[in-house]
Amino acid sequence: MTIDDDGAGAAGVPDGNGVTGMRERTAALGGTLELASLDPGWRVRAVIPLRDETTPGSRNPDDRP
């Protein structure tokens, strides 16, 4: 998923609690999070692999206790 906005942007990528939390949640799903400053604005891209439901041992999220 990619989200772009046309806000102020910045010279560097922030690493505050919000970004840290997004990185942790994306990593927990086996994915990556990329942030980039645009001119103007920001881009946030989360790449999360889809689970193959035909793989033995894969579970439907609705089956969780």
Protein backbone atom coordinates (compact mmCIF):
# COMPACT_ATOMS: atom_id res chain seq x y z
CA MET A 1 0.00 0.00 0.00
CA THR A 2 1.36 3.43 -0.85
CA ILE A 3 0.09 6.69 0.60
CA ASP A 4 1.31 10.07 -0.67
CA ASP A 5 0.39 13.48 0.69
CA ASP A 6 1.26 17.00 -0.40
CA GLY A 7 2.17 18.41 3.03
CA ALA A 8 5.38 20.10 4.10
CA GLY A 9 7.77 17.12 3.90
CA ALA A 10 11.13 17.28 5.67
CA ALA A 11 14.86 16.86 5.09
CA GLY A 12 15.02 13.51 6.90
CA VAL A 13 12.78 10.59 7.77
CA PRO A 14 11.33 10.90 11.29
CA ASP A 15 11.69 8.00 13.69
CA GLY A 16 9.15 8.88 16.36
CA ASN A 17 6.74 6.55 18.12
CA GLY A 18 4.24 6.57 15.25
CA VAL A 19 6.82 5.50 12.67
CA THR A 20 8.32 2.96 15.07
CA GLY A 21 4.88 1.46 15.70
CA MET A 22 4.12 1.25 11.97
CA ARG A 23 7.47 -0.46 11.35
CA GLU A 24 6.88 -2.97 14.16
CA ARG A 25 3.37 -3.87 12.97
CA THR A 26 4.50 -4.21 9.35
CA ALA A 27 7.47 -6.39 10.37
CA ALA A 28 5.19 -8.59 12.49
CA LEU A 29 3.33 -9.41 9.26
CA GLY A 30 6.59 -10.21 7.43
CA GLY A 31 6.63 -6.91 5.56
CA THR A 32 8.64 -3.73 5.20
CA LEU A 33 7.85 -0.05 5.67
CA GLU A 34 9.43 2.67 3.54
CA LEU A 35 9.16 6.41 4.13
CA ALA A 36 10.31 9.12 1.76
CA SER A 37 10.16 12.90 1.76
CA LEU A 38 8.69 14.20 -1.50
CA ASP A 39 8.69 17.73 -2.85
CA PRO A 40 6.19 18.55 -1.43
CA GLY A 41 4.90 15.95 1.00
CA TRP A 42 5.57 12.42 2.19
CA ARG A 43 5.27 8.88 0.87
CA VAL A 44 4.59 5.94 3.18
CA ARG A 45 4.76 2.50 1.56
CA ALA A 46 3.98 -0.74 3.37
CA VAL A 47 4.80 -3.97 1.55
CA ILE A 48 3.19 -6.99 3.23
CA PRO A 49 3.25 -10.44 1.63
CA LEU A 50 -0.05 -12.18 1.06
CA ARG A 51 -0.44 -15.48 2.80
CA ASP A 52 -1.07 -18.50 0.57
CA GLU A 53 -4.23 -20.05 2.03
CA THR A 54 -3.49 -23.33 0.20
CA THR A 55 -0.25 -23.86 2.14
CA PRO A 56 -0.58 -26.63 4.74
CA GLY A 57 -0.68 -25.15 8.21
CA SER A 58 -1.92 -21.73 7.11
CA ARG A 59 -4.81 -20.48 9.17
CA ASN A 60 -7.79 -18.34 8.50
CA PRO A 61 -7.62 -15.22 10.74
CA ASP A 62 -11.28 -15.85 11.66
CA ASP A 63 -10.24 -19.19 13.24
CA ARG A 64 -8.14 -17.52 15.94
CA PRO A 65 -9.25 -18.08 19.54
